[in-house]
Amino acid sequence: MGKELQLSQLEKDVEDKDFWNDSTNAQKVMKTVSGLREDVESWNSLKQHVHDLTELVRLGDETLRGEIEAELIKLEADLDKRSFTMMFSGLYDHDGAILAIHAGAGGTDSQDWAGMLERMYLRWAEDHGFTAEILDSTPGEEAGIKSITIAVGGRYAYGYLRSEKGVHRLVRLSPFDAAHRRHTSFALIEVLPQVSMDEANIEINPGDIKMDVFRSSGAGGQNVQKNATAVRLTHLPTGIVVTCQNERSQSQNREFAMNILRARLLELRQAEREEERAILRGEYTKAEWGSQIRSYVLHPYQMVKDHRTDFQVGNSQSVLDGELDGFMEAFLKSGSGS
């Protein structure tokens, strides 16, 4: 296999006594080695699974039928997962992701909807073995959240989550309306790749950044920060503002905030290039807030529908519990994510 040969060569390079002289390049190589090793071990495990199952079938023992059928189901699920990850061909698809949720117009209902989306994505991340760390959060006035930023760590996290970028719409009977009328709520999902400084190739002039520090907002008690550890960075040329208040130290919060700023600047640069190409092709349409990518209907019927792919699920609660892979796969197969 090509990946095995590539891994073997890189492992030899790592053993060279001068390998760590260039720490930036060394870290990039180590990241590549880690990914290749995971791929090779994964495929070798699959080959062994097929071999073991073949040997069971050759025994011709009817008493093993149940065990063989169970193993076939596991093997099919494993193959489906691998074929899914093979669709991740984007530049940053293998990286972690920064997921941001913003409540739209609609007051308490939209803030509650943003909180429901937070739960949905945290459940999804947990089910897939990804780490999820809340970097910044602004609670809602009565319920839910106004906004939240979550770092999702793990291989392919960005590849999965980039399908979620856009406006998400909820239709339900409002629990905050005394007349219990039907309300429509909106929330905006942002998804950025977690990229290192060298990968993003984004230069940030320190003179272009205004930094403010403040006390982190907490739940009270021992968690209240007595020192100003939270950080707000303003990128003066673009007006982009980033905050981080999760970590105990100001330096850690600043590092996280810089990572988010770098990702936002990368996204801005890519969006400008896409816009230029679309204008040249004569097909540019400005993205408006109301152009939702997905609707979640809880009343008068149950349905979640993605408007880009027409993929839909009748069980809205299962989707809100984190079952999102069907939507992500349909997005990738449609070519929308290429």
C-alpha atoms as a PDB file:
ATOM      1  CA  MET A   1       0.000   0.000   0.000  1.00  0.00           C
ATOM      2  CA  GLY A   2       1.162   3.537  -0.788  1.00  0.00           C
ATOM      3  CA  LYS A   3       0.311   4.761   2.701  1.00  0.00           C
ATOM      4  CA  GLU A   4       2.378   2.003   4.318  1.00  0.00           C
ATOM      5  CA  LEU A   5       5.405   2.949   2.215  1.00  0.00           C
ATOM      6  CA  GLN A   6       4.909   6.637   2.977  1.00  0.00           C
ATOM      7  CA  LEU A   7       4.575   5.890   6.696  1.00  0.00           C
ATOM      8  CA  SER A   8       7.708   3.743   6.671  1.00  0.00           C
ATOM      9  CA  GLN A   9       9.740   6.505   5.019  1.00  0.00           C
ATOM     10  CA  LEU A  10       8.477   9.213   7.373  1.00  0.00           C
ATOM     11  CA  GLU A  11       9.192   7.062  10.429  1.00  0.00           C
ATOM     12  CA  LYS A  12      12.799   6.787   9.212  1.00  0.00           C
ATOM     13  CA  ASP A  13      12.929  10.571   8.844  1.00  0.00           C
ATOM     14  CA  VAL A  14      11.672  11.007  12.413  1.00  0.00           C
ATOM     15  CA  GLU A  15      14.540   8.868  13.709  1.00  0.00           C
ATOM     16  CA  ASP A  16      17.115  11.212  12.156  1.00  0.00           C
ATOM     17  CA  LYS A  17      19.114  13.052  14.841  1.00  0.00           C
ATOM     18  CA  ASP A  18      18.528  16.411  13.118  1.00  0.00           C
ATOM     19  CA  PHE A  19      14.782  15.907  12.718  1.00  0.00           C
ATOM     20  CA  TRP A  20      13.745  18.319  15.491  1.00  0.00           C
ATOM     21  CA  ASN A  21      16.106  21.120  14.388  1.00  0.00           C
ATOM     22  CA  ASP A  22      13.164  22.593  12.472  1.00  0.00           C
ATOM     23  CA  SER A  23      10.399  22.275  15.051  1.00  0.00           C
ATOM     24  CA  THR A  24       7.668  23.710  12.797  1.00  0.00           C
ATOM     25  CA  ASN A  25       8.326  21.195  10.032  1.00  0.00           C
ATOM     26  CA  ALA A  26       8.785  18.408  12.599  1.00  0.00           C
ATOM     27  CA  GLN A  27       5.325  19.041  14.042  1.00  0.00           C
ATOM     28  CA  LYS A  28       3.776  18.927  10.547  1.00  0.00           C
ATOM     29  CA  VAL A  29       5.536  15.629   9.826  1.00  0.00           C
ATOM     30  CA  MET A  30       4.450  14.150  13.154  1.00  0.00           C
ATOM     31  CA  LYS A  31       0.851  15.107  12.395  1.00  0.00           C
ATOM     32  CA  THR A  32       1.118  13.365   9.016  1.00  0.00           C
ATOM     33  CA  VAL A  33       2.708  10.297  10.625  1.00  0.00           C
ATOM     34  CA  SER A  34      -0.076  10.105  13.203  1.00  0.00           C
ATOM     35  CA  GLY A  35      -2.768  10.253  10.503  1.00  0.00           C
ATOM     36  CA  LEU A  36      -1.044   7.685   8.288  1.00  0.00           C
ATOM     37  CA  ARG A  37      -0.488   5.336  11.214  1.00  0.00           C
ATOM     38  CA  GLU A  38      -4.165   5.560  12.144  1.00  0.00           C
ATOM     39  CA  ASP A  39      -5.182   4.808   8.529  1.00  0.00           C
ATOM     40  CA  VAL A  40      -2.787   1.872   8.151  1.00  0.00           C
ATOM     41  CA  GLU A  41      -3.723   0.312  11.489  1.00  0.00           C
ATOM     42  CA  SER A  42      -7.395   0.790  10.719  1.00  0.00           C
ATOM     43  CA  TRP A  43      -7.209  -0.923   7.332  1.00  0.00           C
ATOM     44  CA  ASN A  44      -5.035  -3.733   8.700  1.00  0.00           C
ATOM     45  CA  SER A  45      -7.622  -4.287  11.401  1.00  0.00           C
ATOM     46  CA  LEU A  46     -10.329  -4.465   8.741  1.00  0.00           C
ATOM     47  CA  LYS A  47      -8.309  -6.990   6.710  1.00  0.00           C
ATOM     48  CA  GLN A  48      -7.877  -9.138   9.804  1.00  0.00           C
ATOM     49  CA  HIS A  49     -11.614  -8.927  10.518  1.00  0.00           C
ATOM     50  CA  VAL A  50     -12.413 -10.141   6.978  1.00  0.00           C
ATOM     51  CA  HIS A  51      -9.860 -12.956   7.287  1.00  0.00           C
ATOM     52  CA  ASP A  52     -11.242 -14.142  10.633  1.00  0.00           C
ATOM     53  CA  LEU A  53     -14.803 -14.051   9.328  1.00  0.00           C
ATOM     54  CA  THR A  54     -13.825 -15.997   6.213  1.00  0.00           C
ATOM     55  CA  GLU A  55     -12.265 -18.685   8.376  1.00  0.00           C
ATOM     56  CA  LEU A  56     -15.469 -18.967  10.424  1.00  0.00           C
ATOM     57  CA  VAL A  57     -17.548 -19.422   7.261  1.00  0.00           C
ATOM     58  CA  ARG A  58     -15.190 -22.114   5.956  1.00  0.00           C
ATOM     59  CA  LEU A  59     -15.800 -24.183   9.077  1.00  0.00           C
ATOM     60  CA  GLY A  60     -19.353 -24.783   7.850  1.00  0.00           C
ATOM     61  CA  ASP A  61     -20.624 -25.023  11.414  1.00  0.00           C
ATOM     62  CA  GLU A  62     -24.341 -24.144  11.574  1.00  0.00           C
ATOM     63  CA  THR A  63     -24.069 -23.376  15.270  1.00  0.00           C
ATOM     64  CA  LEU A  64     -21.865 -20.387  14.316  1.00  0.00           C
ATOM     65  CA  ARG A  65     -24.486 -18.839  12.008  1.00  0.00           C
ATOM     66  CA  GLY A  66     -25.647 -16.306  14.609  1.00  0.00           C
ATOM     67  CA  GLU A  67     -22.098 -15.205  15.411  1.00  0.00           C
ATOM     68  CA  ILE A  68     -21.237 -14.907  11.705  1.00  0.00           C
ATOM     69  CA  GLU A  69     -24.317 -12.794  10.977  1.00  0.00           C
ATOM     70  CA  ALA A  70     -23.494 -10.494  13.898  1.00  0.00           C
ATOM     71  CA  GLU A  71     -19.913 -10.092  12.652  1.00  0.00           C
ATOM     72  CA  LEU A  72     -21.162  -9.348   9.126  1.00  0.00           C
ATOM     73  CA  ILE A  73     -23.300  -6.509  10.494  1.00  0.00           C
ATOM     74  CA  LYS A  74     -20.259  -5.091  12.313  1.00  0.00           C
ATOM     75  CA  LEU A  75     -18.144  -5.423   9.172  1.00  0.00           C
ATOM     76  CA  GLU A  76     -20.751  -3.665   7.041  1.00  0.00           C
ATOM     77  CA  ALA A  77     -20.968  -0.791   9.541  1.00  0.00           C
ATOM     78  CA  ASP A  78     -17.169  -0.516   9.552  1.00  0.00           C
ATOM     79  CA  LEU A  79     -17.052  -0.413   5.742  1.00  0.00           C
ATOM     80  CA  ASP A  80     -19.787   2.244   5.648  1.00  0.00           C
ATOM     81  CA  LYS A  81     -17.789   4.402   8.067  1.00  0.00           C
ATOM     82  CA  ARG A  82     -14.611   4.028   6.002  1.00  0.00           C
ATOM     83  CA  SER A  83     -16.363   4.852   2.731  1.00  0.00           C
ATOM     84  CA  PHE A  84     -17.796   7.926   4.463  1.00  0.00           C
ATOM     85  CA  THR A  85     -14.389   9.229   5.561  1.00  0.00           C
ATOM     86  CA  MET A  86     -12.994   8.648   2.052  1.00  0.00           C
ATOM     87  CA  MET A  87     -15.250  11.508   0.906  1.00  0.00           C
ATOM     88  CA  PHE A  88     -13.232  13.956   3.005  1.00  0.00           C
ATOM     89  CA  SER A  89     -11.080  15.519   0.310  1.00  0.00           C
ATOM     90  CA  GLY A  90     -10.993  19.145   1.462  1.00  0.00           C
ATOM     91  CA  LEU A  91      -7.753  20.823   2.472  1.00  0.00           C
ATOM     92  CA  TYR A  92      -8.650  20.944   6.177  1.00  0.00           C
ATOM     93  CA  ASP A  93     -11.081  18.011   6.404  1.00  0.00           C
ATOM     94  CA  HIS A  94      -8.687  16.002   8.580  1.00  0.00           C
ATOM     95  CA  ASP A  95      -8.432  18.784  11.165  1.00  0.00           C
ATOM     96  CA  GLY A  96     -10.414  19.669  14.246  1.00  0.00           C
ATOM     97  CA  ALA A  97     -13.155  22.286  14.039  1.00  0.00           C
ATOM     98  CA  ILE A  98     -14.309  25.452  15.752  1.00  0.00           C
ATOM     99  CA  LEU A  99     -18.092  25.433  15.972  1.00  0.00           C
ATOM    100  CA  ALA A 100     -19.961  28.650  16.810  1.00  0.00           C
ATOM    101  CA  ILE A 101     -23.717  28.944  17.411  1.00  0.00           C
ATOM    102  CA  HIS A 102     -25.494  32.313  17.358  1.00  0.00           C
ATOM    103  CA  ALA A 103     -29.148  32.863  18.251  1.00  0.00           C
ATOM    104  CA  GLY A 104     -31.058  34.832  15.627  1.00  0.00           C
ATOM    105  CA  ALA A 105     -33.908  37.293  15.902  1.00  0.00           C
ATOM    106  CA  GLY A 106     -36.774  35.985  17.995  1.00  0.00           C
ATOM    107  CA  GLY A 107     -35.767  36.639  21.584  1.00  0.00           C
ATOM    108  CA  THR A 108     -36.120  33.830  24.094  1.00  0.00           C
ATOM    109  CA  ASP A 109     -37.339  31.279  21.530  1.00  0.00           C
ATOM    110  CA  SER A 110     -34.255  31.716  19.347  1.00  0.00           C
ATOM    111  CA  GLN A 111     -31.943  31.647  22.362  1.00  0.00           C
ATOM    112  CA  ASP A 112     -33.592  28.427  23.504  1.00  0.00           C
ATOM    113  CA  TRP A 113     -33.190  27.050  19.966  1.00  0.00           C
ATOM    114  CA  ALA A 114     -29.462  27.907  20.069  1.00  0.00           C
ATOM    115  CA  GLY A 115     -29.239  25.979  23.352  1.00  0.00           C
ATOM    116  CA  MET A 116     -30.966  22.981  21.728  1.00  0.00           C
ATOM    117  CA  LEU A 117     -28.425  23.061  18.901  1.00  0.00           C
ATOM    118  CA  GLU A 118     -25.584  23.198  21.428  1.00  0.00           C
ATOM    119  CA  ARG A 119     -26.920  20.009  23.032  1.00  0.00           C
ATOM    120  CA  MET A 120     -27.366  18.371  19.615  1.00  0.00           C
ATOM    121  CA  TYR A 121     -23.777  18.971  18.529  1.00  0.00           C
ATOM    122  CA  LEU A 122     -22.302  18.018  21.900  1.00  0.00           C
ATOM    123  CA  ARG A 123     -24.251  14.727  21.751  1.00  0.00           C
ATOM    124  CA  TRP A 124     -23.053  14.139  18.191  1.00  0.00           C
ATOM    125  CA  ALA A 125     -19.416  14.827  19.149  1.00  0.00           C
ATOM    126  CA  GLU A 126     -19.627  12.479  22.129  1.00  0.00           C
ATOM    127  CA  ASP A 127     -21.128   9.691  20.015  1.00  0.00           C
ATOM    128  CA  HIS A 128     -18.232   9.997  17.552  1.00  0.00           C
ATOM    129  CA  GLY A 129     -15.481  10.084  20.151  1.00  0.00           C
ATOM    130  CA  PHE A 130     -14.581  13.730  19.509  1.00  0.00           C
ATOM    131  CA  THR A 131     -13.541  16.087  22.284  1.00  0.00           C
ATOM    132  CA  ALA A 132     -15.633  19.214  22.780  1.00  0.00           C
ATOM    133  CA  GLU A 133     -14.360  22.186  24.758  1.00  0.00           C
ATOM    134  CA  ILE A 134     -16.454  25.315  25.284  1.00  0.00           C
ATOM    135  CA  LEU A 135     -14.221  28.327  24.668  1.00  0.00           C
ATOM    136  CA  ASP A 136     -16.758  31.105  25.092  1.00  0.00           C
ATOM    137  CA  SER A 137     -20.452  31.280  25.939  1.00  0.00           C
ATOM    138  CA  THR A 138     -23.038  34.016  26.462  1.00  0.00           C
ATOM    139  CA  PRO A 139     -26.181  32.770  28.238  1.00  0.00           C
ATOM    140  CA  GLY A 140     -29.667  33.765  27.154  1.00  0.00           C
ATOM    141  CA  GLU A 141     -31.702  36.236  29.164  1.00  0.00           C
ATOM    142  CA  GLU A 142     -34.371  33.695  30.165  1.00  0.00           C
ATOM    143  CA  ALA A 143     -33.320  30.405  28.563  1.00  0.00           C
ATOM    144  CA  GLY A 144     -30.745  28.926  26.226  1.00  0.00           C
ATOM    145  CA  ILE A 145     -27.763  30.865  24.922  1.00  0.00           C
ATOM    146  CA  LYS A 146     -27.100  33.960  22.847  1.00  0.00           C
ATOM    147  CA  SER A 147     -23.884  32.495  21.451  1.00  0.00           C
ATOM    148  CA  ILE A 148     -21.314  29.808  22.117  1.00  0.00           C
ATOM    149  CA  THR A 149     -17.961  28.780  20.639  1.00  0.00           C
ATOM    150  CA  ILE A 150     -16.870  25.136  20.903  1.00  0.00           C
ATOM    151  CA  ALA A 151     -13.532  23.572  19.929  1.00  0.00           C
ATOM    152  CA  VAL A 152     -14.234  20.094  18.528  1.00  0.00           C
ATOM    153  CA  GLY A 153     -11.084  17.975  18.503  1.00  0.00           C
ATOM    154  CA  GLY A 154     -10.430  14.775  16.608  1.00  0.00           C
ATOM    155  CA  ARG A 155      -9.583  13.523  13.139  1.00  0.00           C
ATOM    156  CA  TYR A 156     -12.116  14.508  10.464  1.00  0.00           C
ATOM    157  CA  ALA A 157     -14.068  16.768  12.858  1.00  0.00           C
ATOM    158  CA  TYR A 158     -14.008  19.627  10.339  1.00  0.00           C
ATOM    159  CA  GLY A 159     -14.774  17.255   7.453  1.00  0.00           C
ATOM    160  CA  TYR A 160     -17.958  16.184   9.201  1.00  0.00           C
ATOM    161  CA  LEU A 161     -19.036  19.537  10.584  1.00  0.00           C
ATOM    162  CA  ARG A 162     -18.494  21.793   7.584  1.00  0.00           C
ATOM    163  CA  SER A 163     -21.824  20.525   6.240  1.00  0.00           C
ATOM    164  CA  GLU A 164     -23.547  22.280   9.172  1.00  0.00           C
ATOM    165  CA  LYS A 165     -22.527  25.831   8.306  1.00  0.00           C
ATOM    166  CA  GLY A 166     -25.505  28.104   7.731  1.00  0.00           C
ATOM    167  CA  VAL A 167     -28.870  29.136   9.135  1.00  0.00           C
ATOM    168  CA  HIS A 168     -30.954  26.490  10.941  1.00  0.00           C
ATOM    169  CA  ARG A 169     -34.704  27.053  11.354  1.00  0.00           C
ATOM    170  CA  LEU A 170     -36.985  25.621  14.057  1.00  0.00           C
ATOM    171  CA  VAL A 171     -40.806  25.496  13.825  1.00  0.00           C
ATOM    172  CA  ARG A 172     -42.670  24.528  17.021  1.00  0.00           C
ATOM    173  CA  LEU A 173     -45.303  25.501  19.552  1.00  0.00           C
ATOM    174  CA  SER A 174     -43.487  27.994  21.743  1.00  0.00           C
ATOM    175  CA  PRO A 175     -43.119  27.014  25.415  1.00  0.00           C
ATOM    176  CA  PHE A 176     -42.531  30.709  26.132  1.00  0.00           C
ATOM    177  CA  ASP A 177     -45.779  31.939  24.583  1.00  0.00           C
ATOM    178  CA  ALA A 178     -48.687  32.104  27.032  1.00  0.00           C
ATOM    179  CA  ALA A 179     -51.076  31.339  24.137  1.00  0.00           C
ATOM    180  CA  HIS A 180     -48.840  28.407  23.066  1.00  0.00           C
ATOM    181  CA  ARG A 181     -48.762  29.621  19.474  1.00  0.00           C
ATOM    182  CA  ARG A 182     -46.489  28.308  16.746  1.00  0.00           C
ATOM    183  CA  HIS A 183     -43.170  30.161  16.459  1.00  0.00           C
ATOM    184  CA  THR A 184     -40.322  30.072  13.956  1.00  0.00           C
ATOM    185  CA  SER A 185     -36.826  30.527  15.378  1.00  0.00           C
ATOM    186  CA  PHE A 186     -33.452  30.889  13.668  1.00  0.00           C
ATOM    187  CA  ALA A 187     -29.842  30.244  14.652  1.00  0.00           C
ATOM    188  CA  LEU A 188     -26.627  30.647  12.700  1.00  0.00           C
ATOM    189  CA  ILE A 189     -23.957  27.937  12.722  1.00  0.00           C
ATOM    190  CA  GLU A 190     -20.351  28.833  11.897  1.00  0.00           C
ATOM    191  CA  VAL A 191     -17.754  26.119  11.300  1.00  0.00           C
ATOM    192  CA  LEU A 192     -14.045  26.897  11.019  1.00  0.00           C
ATOM    193  CA  PRO A 193     -11.051  24.560  10.745  1.00  0.00           C
ATOM    194  CA  GLN A 194      -8.607  24.388  13.646  1.00  0.00           C
ATOM    195  CA  VAL A 195      -5.422  25.109  11.754  1.00  0.00           C
ATOM    196  CA  SER A 196      -1.933  25.914  12.944  1.00  0.00           C
ATOM    197  CA  MET A 197      -0.205  29.144  11.972  1.00  0.00           C
ATOM    198  CA  ASP A 198       1.998  27.537   9.311  1.00  0.00           C
ATOM    199  CA  GLU A 199      -0.869  25.579   7.746  1.00  0.00           C
ATOM    200  CA  ALA A 200      -3.174  28.565   7.479  1.00  0.00           C
ATOM    201  CA  ASN A 201      -0.435  30.773   5.989  1.00  0.00           C
ATOM    202  CA  ILE A 202      -2.109  33.756   7.631  1.00  0.00           C
ATOM    203  CA  GLU A 203       0.142  36.538   8.848  1.00  0.00           C
ATOM    204  CA  ILE A 204      -1.284  38.665  11.648  1.00  0.00           C
ATOM    205  CA  ASN A 205       0.458  41.941  12.430  1.00  0.00           C
ATOM    206  CA  PRO A 206       0.529  42.387  16.240  1.00  0.00           C
ATOM    207  CA  GLY A 207      -0.102  46.090  15.670  1.00  0.00           C
ATOM    208  CA  ASP A 208      -3.452  45.210  14.038  1.00  0.00           C
ATOM    209  CA  ILE A 209      -4.783  43.599  17.204  1.00  0.00           C
ATOM    210  CA  LYS A 210      -6.454  45.340  20.124  1.00  0.00           C
ATOM    211  CA  MET A 211      -6.613  43.155  23.232  1.00  0.00           C
ATOM    212  CA  ASP A 212      -8.995  43.694  26.141  1.00  0.00           C
ATOM    213  CA  VAL A 213      -9.033  41.559  29.288  1.00  0.00           C
ATOM    214  CA  PHE A 214     -11.969  41.081  31.652  1.00  0.00           C
ATOM    215  CA  ARG A 215     -13.245  38.709  34.285  1.00  0.00           C
ATOM    216  CA  SER A 216     -14.747  35.467  33.052  1.00  0.00           C
ATOM    217  CA  SER A 217     -18.453  35.075  33.672  1.00  0.00           C
ATOM    218  CA  GLY A 218     -19.112  31.937  35.706  1.00  0.00           C
ATOM    219  CA  ALA A 219     -21.790  30.139  37.607  1.00  0.00           C
ATOM    220  CA  GLY A 220     -20.699  31.717  40.871  1.00  0.00           C
ATOM    221  CA  GLY A 221     -19.102  30.275  43.989  1.00  0.00           C
ATOM    222  CA  GLN A 222     -15.572  28.994  43.601  1.00  0.00           C
ATOM    223  CA  ASN A 223     -15.767  29.209  39.796  1.00  0.00           C
ATOM    224  CA  VAL A 224     -15.870  32.996  39.723  1.00  0.00           C
ATOM    225  CA  GLN A 225     -12.609  34.428  38.398  1.00  0.00           C
ATOM    226  CA  LYS A 226     -11.116  36.999  40.769  1.00  0.00           C
ATOM    227  CA  ASN A 227      -8.559  38.044  38.147  1.00  0.00           C
ATOM    228  CA  ALA A 228      -9.077  39.348  34.623  1.00  0.00           C
ATOM    229  CA  THR A 229      -8.303  36.175  32.626  1.00  0.00           C
ATOM    230  CA  ALA A 230     -10.860  36.380  29.796  1.00  0.00           C
ATOM    231  CA  VAL A 231      -9.553  37.852  26.545  1.00  0.00           C
ATOM    232  CA  ARG A 232     -11.222  39.824  23.766  1.00  0.00           C
ATOM    233  CA  LEU A 233      -9.246  40.364  20.555  1.00  0.00           C
ATOM    234  CA  THR A 234     -10.292  42.893  17.916  1.00  0.00           C
ATOM    235  CA  HIS A 235      -8.670  42.663  14.499  1.00  0.00           C
ATOM    236  CA  LEU A 236      -8.682  46.342  13.508  1.00  0.00           C
ATOM    237  CA  PRO A 237      -8.412  45.993   9.678  1.00  0.00           C
ATOM    238  CA  THR A 238     -11.445  43.666   9.441  1.00  0.00           C
ATOM    239  CA  GLY A 239     -13.366  44.457  12.623  1.00  0.00           C
ATOM    240  CA  ILE A 240     -13.442  40.754  13.584  1.00  0.00           C
ATOM    241  CA  VAL A 241     -13.912  40.311  17.346  1.00  0.00           C
ATOM    242  CA  VAL A 242     -13.012  37.085  19.164  1.00  0.00           C
ATOM    243  CA  THR A 243     -13.433  36.275  22.852  1.00  0.00           C
ATOM    244  CA  CYS A 244     -12.251  33.358  24.951  1.00  0.00           C
ATOM    245  CA  GLN A 245     -12.898  32.917  28.669  1.00  0.00           C
ATOM    246  CA  ASN A 246     -12.691  29.183  29.229  1.00  0.00           C
ATOM    247  CA  GLU A 247      -9.144  28.764  30.483  1.00  0.00           C
ATOM    248  CA  ARG A 248      -7.803  29.714  33.933  1.00  0.00           C
ATOM    249  CA  SER A 249      -4.937  31.799  32.593  1.00  0.00           C
ATOM    250  CA  GLN A 250      -4.940  34.884  30.432  1.00  0.00           C
ATOM    251  CA  SER A 251      -2.166  33.505  28.218  1.00  0.00           C
ATOM    252  CA  GLN A 252      -4.131  30.332  27.434  1.00  0.00           C
ATOM    253  CA  ASN A 253      -7.234  32.315  26.576  1.00  0.00           C
ATOM    254  CA  ARG A 254      -5.194  34.587  24.330  1.00  0.00           C
ATOM    255  CA  GLU A 255      -3.716  31.576  22.524  1.00  0.00           C
ATOM    256  CA  PHE A 256      -7.159  30.078  21.917  1.00  0.00           C
ATOM    257  CA  ALA A 257      -8.497  33.468  20.785  1.00  0.00           C
ATOM    258  CA  MET A 258      -5.604  33.841  18.327  1.00  0.00           C
ATOM    259  CA  ASN A 259      -6.370  30.394  16.892  1.00  0.00           C
ATOM    260  CA  ILE A 260     -10.004  31.374  16.350  1.00  0.00           C
ATOM    261  CA  LEU A 261      -9.000  34.721  14.825  1.00  0.00           C
ATOM    262  CA  ARG A 262      -6.608  32.962  12.456  1.00  0.00           C
ATOM    263  CA  ALA A 263      -9.392  30.573  11.398  1.00  0.00           C
ATOM    264  CA  ARG A 264     -11.827  33.461  10.839  1.00  0.00           C
ATOM    265  CA  LEU A 265      -9.296  35.330   8.706  1.00  0.00           C
ATOM    266  CA  LEU A 266      -8.683  32.156   6.699  1.00  0.00           C
ATOM    267  CA  GLU A 267     -12.421  31.783   6.139  1.00  0.00           C
ATOM    268  CA  LEU A 268     -12.692  35.428   5.108  1.00  0.00           C
ATOM    269  CA  ARG A 269      -9.915  35.000   2.557  1.00  0.00           C
ATOM    270  CA  GLN A 270     -11.513  31.853   1.131  1.00  0.00           C
ATOM    271  CA  ALA A 271     -14.943  33.517   0.970  1.00  0.00           C
ATOM    272  CA  GLU A 272     -13.495  36.471  -0.944  1.00  0.00           C
ATOM    273  CA  ARG A 273     -11.906  34.105  -3.463  1.00  0.00           C
ATOM    274  CA  GLU A 274     -15.160  32.167  -3.882  1.00  0.00           C
ATOM    275  CA  GLU A 275     -17.072  35.403  -4.369  1.00  0.00           C
ATOM    276  CA  GLU A 276     -14.613  36.580  -7.017  1.00  0.00           C
ATOM    277  CA  ARG A 277     -14.916  33.261  -8.898  1.00  0.00           C
ATOM    278  CA  ALA A 278     -18.725  33.319  -8.664  1.00  0.00           C
ATOM    279  CA  ILE A 279     -18.890  36.884  -9.988  1.00  0.00           C
ATOM    280  CA  LEU A 280     -16.657  35.931 -12.926  1.00  0.00           C
ATOM    281  CA  ARG A 281     -18.962  32.981 -13.671  1.00  0.00           C
ATOM    282  CA  GLY A 282     -21.986  35.269 -13.429  1.00  0.00           C
ATOM    283  CA  GLU A 283     -23.626  33.243 -10.656  1.00  0.00           C
ATOM    284  CA  TYR A 284     -22.906  35.212  -7.514  1.00  0.00           C
ATOM    285  CA  THR A 285     -25.765  35.434  -5.011  1.00  0.00           C
ATOM    286  CA  LYS A 286     -25.287  37.232  -1.732  1.00  0.00           C
ATOM    287  CA  ALA A 287     -25.881  34.969   1.267  1.00  0.00           C
ATOM    288  CA  GLU A 288     -28.736  36.388   3.303  1.00  0.00           C
ATOM    289  CA  TRP A 289     -29.713  35.580   6.889  1.00  0.00           C
ATOM    290  CA  GLY A 290     -33.084  34.120   5.861  1.00  0.00           C
ATOM    291  CA  SER A 291     -31.663  31.542   3.452  1.00  0.00           C
ATOM    292  CA  GLN A 292     -31.757  28.613   5.868  1.00  0.00           C
ATOM    293  CA  ILE A 293     -29.971  25.372   5.005  1.00  0.00           C
ATOM    294  CA  ARG A 294     -32.135  23.129   7.209  1.00  0.00           C
ATOM    295  CA  SER A 295     -35.562  23.198   8.824  1.00  0.00           C
ATOM    296  CA  TYR A 296     -36.513  21.350  12.008  1.00  0.00           C
ATOM    297  CA  VAL A 297     -40.297  21.036  12.256  1.00  0.00           C
ATOM    298  CA  LEU A 298     -41.845  19.873  15.548  1.00  0.00           C
ATOM    299  CA  HIS A 299     -45.389  21.096  14.820  1.00  0.00           C
ATOM    300  CA  PRO A 300     -47.824  20.440  13.137  1.00  0.00           C
ATOM    301  CA  TYR A 301     -45.809  17.375  12.037  1.00  0.00           C
ATOM    302  CA  GLN A 302     -42.340  15.934  12.714  1.00  0.00           C
ATOM    303  CA  MET A 303     -39.646  16.404  10.082  1.00  0.00           C
ATOM    304  CA  VAL A 304     -36.098  17.653   9.617  1.00  0.00           C
ATOM    305  CA  LYS A 305     -35.227  18.581   6.028  1.00  0.00           C
ATOM    306  CA  ASP A 306     -31.994  19.833   4.484  1.00  0.00           C
ATOM    307  CA  HIS A 307     -32.866  22.302   1.723  1.00  0.00           C
ATOM    308  CA  ARG A 308     -29.570  21.822  -0.138  1.00  0.00           C
ATOM    309  CA  THR A 309     -29.871  18.073  -0.633  1.00  0.00           C
ATOM    310  CA  ASP A 310     -33.586  17.394   0.087  1.00  0.00           C
ATOM    311  CA  PHE A 311     -32.481  14.729   2.580  1.00  0.00           C
ATOM    312  CA  GLN A 312     -35.077  14.467   5.336  1.00  0.00           C
ATOM    313  CA  VAL A 313     -35.848  12.486   8.480  1.00  0.00           C
ATOM    314  CA  GLY A 314     -39.280  12.014  10.034  1.00  0.00           C
ATOM    315  CA  ASN A 315     -38.004  11.562  13.584  1.00  0.00           C
ATOM    316  CA  SER A 316     -37.050  15.095  14.632  1.00  0.00           C
ATOM    317  CA  GLN A 317     -36.100  14.062  18.161  1.00  0.00           C
ATOM    318  CA  SER A 318     -33.475  11.581  16.958  1.00  0.00           C
ATOM    319  CA  VAL A 319     -31.801  14.385  15.001  1.00  0.00           C
ATOM    320  CA  LEU A 320     -31.911  16.707  18.008  1.00  0.00           C
ATOM    321  CA  ASP A 321     -30.311  13.866  19.981  1.00  0.00           C
ATOM    322  CA  GLY A 322     -27.296  14.018  17.650  1.00  0.00           C
ATOM    323  CA  GLU A 323     -28.085  11.682  14.751  1.00  0.00           C
ATOM    324  CA  LEU A 324     -26.687  13.893  11.995  1.00  0.00           C
ATOM    325  CA  ASP A 325     -24.593  11.558   9.849  1.00  0.00           C
ATOM    326  CA  GLY A 326     -27.324  11.083   7.230  1.00  0.00           C
ATOM    327  CA  PHE A 327     -27.417  14.845   6.569  1.00  0.00           C
ATOM    328  CA  MET A 328     -23.616  15.079   6.481  1.00  0.00           C
ATOM    329  CA  GLU A 329     -23.274  12.157   4.076  1.00  0.00           C
ATOM    330  CA  ALA A 330     -25.975  13.500   1.750  1.00  0.00           C
ATOM    331  CA  PHE A 331     -24.188  16.875   1.713  1.00  0.00           C
ATOM    332  CA  LEU A 332     -20.851  15.288   0.753  1.00  0.00           C
ATOM    333  CA  LYS A 333     -22.379  12.979  -1.864  1.00  0.00           C
ATOM    334  CA  SER A 334     -24.234  15.866  -3.484  1.00  0.00           C
ATOM    335  CA  GLY A 335     -20.977  17.633  -4.180  1.00  0.00           C
ATOM    336  CA  SER A 336     -22.114  20.639  -2.151  1.00  0.00           C
ATOM    337  CA  GLY A 337     -19.048  20.352   0.052  1.00  0.00           C
ATOM    338  CA  SER A 338     -16.468  20.071  -2.695  1.00  0.00           C
END
